[in-house]
Amino acid sequence: MTYGQVIVGFGERQWTLTVGEIATIGRSQSSTIPLPADPHLSRRAGSLRVLDDCLLVRNESARKPLVLRPPSGEDRVVEPQAATTSLPFPRFEIVFAGVHGHAVSVHVDASRLTPDPLVPDPQTRAPATAADPVQLTAAQRRMLVALCAPLLRESGPRALPATYAEIEARLDLRPQYVRNLLKALRETLTGYGVTGLIPDDDGPRHDDFRWALARWAIRGGWVTAADLEDVT
């Protein structure tokens, strides 16, 4: 396999970028990757710069955000004139909003940019990083798995933590039990020194602690895709 390459696809066309190259994306036909002639799309909507180990995705628009969408999990919104790297996603879509909110997606495969990381020699490996002394009950683990399941299964707007009603239905639990157990878990984790659970994010989509709790569980490895077999 040839490394040091990023494959970008849009429609029936495909581009191969190598380290150090920059590709522009936009409605302008002078763009490396031209988008449809939709006036809702920016003439210069974004750019891709291939770095040694990842891709730098920059929003070149002065007014319109773009979205980096992995195969599963939350969208990463990139505001106008801001940038983000592709890490940790080897494959993703860059999504622009066209007329009537129609999604225009550019597919990016950066899996061939670098080889898989080498497994360190056990004899020379440094001691493992100490983990938080958090202990979860079986009921708490099942609840966290049900909470995180949509984030691990879905992508885009569907990648949301499960609602209390959805968790109750999946686990056949009585109303209010789920809310109380998750609240108690949040308070316990805060006591262990886990930060960011109180207060939670602002905004209508982040109006309770489910988002913060789900992010903590996924990022800390407490819930993985392999755990989803435990929930229906």
Protein backbone atom coordinates (compact mmCIF):
# COMPACT_ATOMS: atom_id res chain seq x y z
CA MET A 1 0.00 0.00 0.00
CA THR A 2 1.22 3.49 -0.85
CA TYR A 3 1.19 5.86 2.11
CA GLY A 4 1.31 9.65 2.22
CA GLN A 5 -1.90 10.07 0.21
CA VAL A 6 -5.39 11.42 0.84
CA ILE A 7 -8.25 10.47 -1.47
CA VAL A 8 -11.00 13.08 -1.91
CA GLY A 9 -14.20 12.27 -3.78
CA PHE A 10 -17.14 14.34 -4.96
CA GLY A 11 -19.78 13.05 -7.33
CA GLU A 12 -18.10 10.83 -9.92
CA ARG A 13 -14.70 12.51 -9.57
CA GLN A 14 -11.77 11.67 -7.33
CA TRP A 15 -8.59 13.54 -6.41
CA THR A 16 -5.38 12.22 -4.85
CA LEU A 17 -3.51 14.65 -2.60
CA THR A 18 -0.05 14.16 -1.16
CA VAL A 19 1.78 15.68 1.81
CA GLY A 20 2.21 19.43 1.41
CA GLU A 21 -0.56 19.84 -1.16
CA ILE A 22 -3.48 22.26 -0.73
CA ALA A 23 -6.86 21.76 -2.41
CA THR A 24 -9.64 24.34 -2.47
CA ILE A 25 -13.35 23.51 -2.36
CA GLY A 26 -16.08 25.85 -3.55
CA ARG A 27 -18.64 26.95 -6.11
CA SER A 28 -15.97 28.76 -8.10
CA GLN A 29 -14.92 26.66 -11.09
CA SER A 30 -11.31 27.60 -10.34
CA SER A 31 -11.54 25.49 -7.17
CA THR A 32 -9.58 22.26 -7.06
CA ILE A 33 -12.82 20.51 -6.08
CA PRO A 34 -15.69 22.45 -7.69
CA LEU A 35 -19.10 22.28 -6.04
CA PRO A 36 -22.44 22.71 -7.87
CA ALA A 37 -23.48 26.16 -9.12
CA ASP A 38 -25.69 26.69 -6.09
CA PRO A 39 -25.69 30.32 -4.86
CA HIS A 40 -26.17 29.05 -1.29
CA LEU A 41 -22.66 27.55 -1.49
CA SER A 42 -19.66 29.83 -1.07
CA ARG A 43 -17.41 30.46 -4.04
CA ARG A 44 -14.51 29.54 -1.79
CA ALA A 45 -16.09 27.29 0.83
CA GLY A 46 -13.12 25.44 2.25
CA SER A 47 -9.60 24.15 1.78
CA LEU A 48 -7.65 21.01 2.59
CA ARG A 49 -3.95 21.03 3.49
CA VAL A 50 -2.24 17.65 3.75
CA LEU A 51 0.08 17.54 6.76
CA ASP A 52 2.47 14.76 7.69
CA ASP A 53 -0.02 12.85 9.82
CA CYS A 54 -3.43 14.42 9.24
CA LEU A 55 -5.46 16.81 7.15
CA LEU A 56 -6.07 20.46 8.03
CA VAL A 57 -9.65 21.39 7.10
CA ARG A 58 -10.19 25.15 6.90
CA ASN A 59 -13.49 26.97 6.43
CA GLU A 60 -12.69 29.68 3.89
CA SER A 61 -16.21 31.15 3.89
CA ALA A 62 -16.80 34.48 5.58
CA ARG A 63 -20.33 33.60 6.73
CA LYS A 64 -21.25 29.93 6.37
CA PRO A 65 -20.13 27.13 8.70
CA LEU A 66 -19.18 23.71 7.42
CA VAL A 67 -19.40 20.35 9.14
CA LEU A 68 -16.87 17.55 9.48
CA ARG A 69 -18.99 14.38 9.78
CA PRO A 70 -17.36 11.08 10.85
CA PRO A 71 -18.99 7.71 10.03
CA SER A 72 -20.45 7.67 13.54
CA GLY A 73 -20.64 10.17 16.37
CA GLU A 74 -21.14 13.90 16.63
CA ASP A 75 -20.68 16.39 13.84
CA ARG A 76 -17.75 18.77 14.25
CA VAL A 77 -18.87 22.26 13.24
CA VAL A 78 -16.15 24.48 11.79
CA GLU A 79 -17.11 28.14 11.99
CA PRO A 80 -16.30 30.66 9.21
CA GLN A 81 -12.55 31.36 8.94
CA ALA A 82 -11.79 28.61 11.49
CA ALA A 83 -9.98 25.30 10.98
CA THR A 84 -9.71 21.81 12.45
CA THR A 85 -7.60 18.74 11.85
CA SER A 86 -9.00 15.44 10.65
CA LEU A 87 -7.78 13.60 13.74
CA PRO A 88 -8.84 11.14 14.97
CA PHE A 89 -10.94 10.22 11.91
CA PRO A 90 -9.32 8.30 9.02
CA ARG A 91 -12.48 8.76 6.92
CA PHE A 92 -15.14 11.46 7.06
CA GLU A 93 -17.31 13.80 5.04
CA ILE A 94 -17.13 17.57 4.75
CA VAL A 95 -20.71 18.78 4.57
CA PHE A 96 -21.87 22.13 3.17
CA ALA A 97 -25.47 23.41 3.28
CA GLY A 98 -26.91 24.12 -0.15
CA VAL A 99 -30.29 25.38 -1.29
CA HIS A 100 -33.22 24.42 0.98
CA GLY A 101 -30.69 22.97 3.43
CA HIS A 102 -29.66 20.25 0.98
CA ALA A 103 -26.43 18.64 2.18
CA VAL A 104 -23.52 18.72 -0.26
CA SER A 105 -20.90 16.21 0.91
CA VAL A 106 -17.26 15.80 -0.05
CA HIS A 107 -15.85 12.40 0.93
CA VAL A 108 -12.35 12.22 2.40
CA ASP A 109 -10.26 9.09 2.96
CA ALA A 110 -7.10 9.87 4.93
CA SER A 111 -6.53 6.27 6.05
CA ARG A 112 -3.54 5.93 3.72
CA LEU A 113 -1.79 9.06 4.94
CA THR A 114 0.25 7.23 7.57
CA PRO A 115 0.82 3.54 8.33
CA ASP A 116 -0.74 1.97 11.38
CA PRO A 117 1.16 2.91 14.56
CA LEU A 118 3.72 0.37 15.67
CA VAL A 119 3.06 -1.64 18.81
CA PRO A 120 5.76 -0.68 21.33
CA ASP A 121 8.16 -3.28 22.65
CA PRO A 122 6.72 -4.49 25.99
CA GLN A 123 10.22 -4.46 27.50
CA THR A 124 10.79 -0.79 26.71
CA ARG A 125 7.24 0.47 27.08
CA ALA A 126 6.65 3.01 29.84
CA PRO A 127 4.17 2.15 32.59
CA ALA A 128 0.53 2.52 31.62
CA THR A 129 -1.18 5.78 32.44
CA ALA A 130 -3.05 5.54 35.72
CA ALA A 131 -6.82 5.44 35.27
CA ASP A 132 -9.36 7.32 37.33
CA PRO A 133 -10.43 5.26 40.38
CA VAL A 134 -14.00 5.12 39.10
CA GLN A 135 -16.04 2.02 39.76
CA LEU A 136 -19.39 1.51 38.05
CA THR A 137 -22.12 -0.93 38.96
CA ALA A 138 -23.57 -3.28 36.34
CA ALA A 139 -26.76 -1.19 36.26
CA GLN A 140 -24.78 2.02 35.71
CA ARG A 141 -22.79 0.45 32.88
CA ARG A 142 -25.93 -0.76 31.10
CA MET A 143 -27.45 2.68 31.49
CA LEU A 144 -24.36 4.35 30.02
CA VAL A 145 -24.32 1.94 27.08
CA ALA A 146 -27.97 2.71 26.32
CA LEU A 147 -27.28 6.44 26.68
CA CYS A 148 -24.33 6.35 24.26
CA ALA A 149 -25.73 3.85 21.73
CA PRO A 150 -27.05 6.42 19.19
CA LEU A 151 -23.75 8.34 19.28
CA LEU A 152 -21.83 5.17 18.41
CA ARG A 153 -24.30 3.87 15.82
CA GLU A 154 -25.41 7.00 14.02
CA SER A 155 -23.83 10.01 12.36
CA GLY A 156 -24.87 13.57 11.60
CA PRO A 157 -28.09 14.92 13.15
CA ARG A 158 -29.07 11.45 14.39
CA ALA A 159 -25.96 11.16 16.56
CA LEU A 160 -27.52 12.24 19.85
CA PRO A 161 -27.48 10.73 23.34
CA ALA A 162 -30.55 8.61 23.96
CA THR A 163 -33.44 10.32 25.71
CA TYR A 164 -34.66 9.11 29.07
CA ALA A 165 -37.73 7.61 27.40
CA GLU A 166 -35.56 5.75 24.86
CA ILE A 167 -33.36 4.31 27.61
CA GLU A 168 -36.42 3.23 29.57
CA ALA A 169 -37.83 1.49 26.51
CA ARG A 170 -34.53 -0.26 25.63
CA LEU A 171 -33.94 -1.52 29.16
CA ASP A 172 -37.61 -1.97 30.15
CA LEU A 173 -37.32 0.34 33.14
CA ARG A 174 -39.93 2.43 34.88
CA PRO A 175 -40.19 6.20 34.21
CA GLN A 176 -38.03 8.53 36.30
CA TYR A 177 -35.76 5.64 37.37
CA VAL A 178 -33.34 6.35 34.51
CA ARG A 179 -33.18 10.08 35.23
CA ASN A 180 -32.53 9.49 38.93
CA LEU A 181 -29.83 6.86 38.32
CA LEU A 182 -27.99 9.00 35.76
CA LYS A 183 -28.20 12.00 38.05
CA ALA A 184 -26.74 9.97 40.91
CA LEU A 185 -23.99 8.72 38.59
CA ARG A 186 -23.14 12.27 37.55
CA GLU A 187 -22.86 13.34 41.18
CA THR A 188 -20.69 10.31 41.98
CA LEU A 189 -18.33 11.04 39.07
CA THR A 190 -18.09 14.68 40.10
CA GLY A 191 -17.04 13.44 43.52
CA TYR A 192 -14.30 11.39 41.87
CA GLY A 193 -13.00 14.59 40.30
CA VAL A 194 -14.47 14.15 36.81
CA THR A 195 -14.88 17.70 35.50
CA GLY A 196 -17.35 19.15 33.01
CA LEU A 197 -20.46 17.31 34.20
CA ILE A 198 -21.78 20.28 36.19
CA PRO A 199 -22.68 22.65 34.65
CA ASP A 200 -23.29 21.22 31.19
CA ASP A 201 -23.18 22.85 27.76
CA ASP A 202 -25.46 25.76 26.92
CA GLY A 203 -27.98 25.73 24.10
CA PRO A 204 -31.23 23.93 23.29
CA ARG A 205 -29.52 20.67 22.28
CA HIS A 206 -27.37 20.57 25.40
CA ASP A 207 -30.00 21.48 27.97
CA ASP A 208 -29.19 18.64 30.40
CA PHE A 209 -26.23 16.55 31.49
CA ARG A 210 -26.76 13.63 29.06
CA TRP A 211 -24.35 15.17 26.54
CA ALA A 212 -21.54 15.67 29.05
CA LEU A 213 -22.04 12.22 30.55
CA ALA A 214 -22.11 10.51 27.14
CA ARG A 215 -18.97 12.34 25.99
CA TRP A 216 -17.14 11.37 29.17
CA ALA A 217 -18.14 7.71 28.76
CA ILE A 218 -17.10 7.50 25.10
CA ARG A 219 -13.89 9.52 25.29
CA GLY A 220 -12.78 7.68 28.40
CA GLY A 221 -13.42 4.28 26.83
CA TRP A 222 -16.10 3.33 29.35
CA VAL A 223 -18.49 2.65 26.46
CA THR A 224 -17.33 1.37 23.06
CA ALA A 225 -19.04 0.04 19.95
CA ALA A 226 -18.38 -3.50 21.19
CA ASP A 227 -20.69 -2.84 24.15
CA LEU A 228 -23.73 -2.16 21.96
CA GLU A 229 -24.66 -5.83 21.82
CA ASP A 230 -25.81 -5.39 25.42
CA VAL A 231 -28.69 -3.13 24.40
CA THR A 232 -31.51 -3.87 22.00
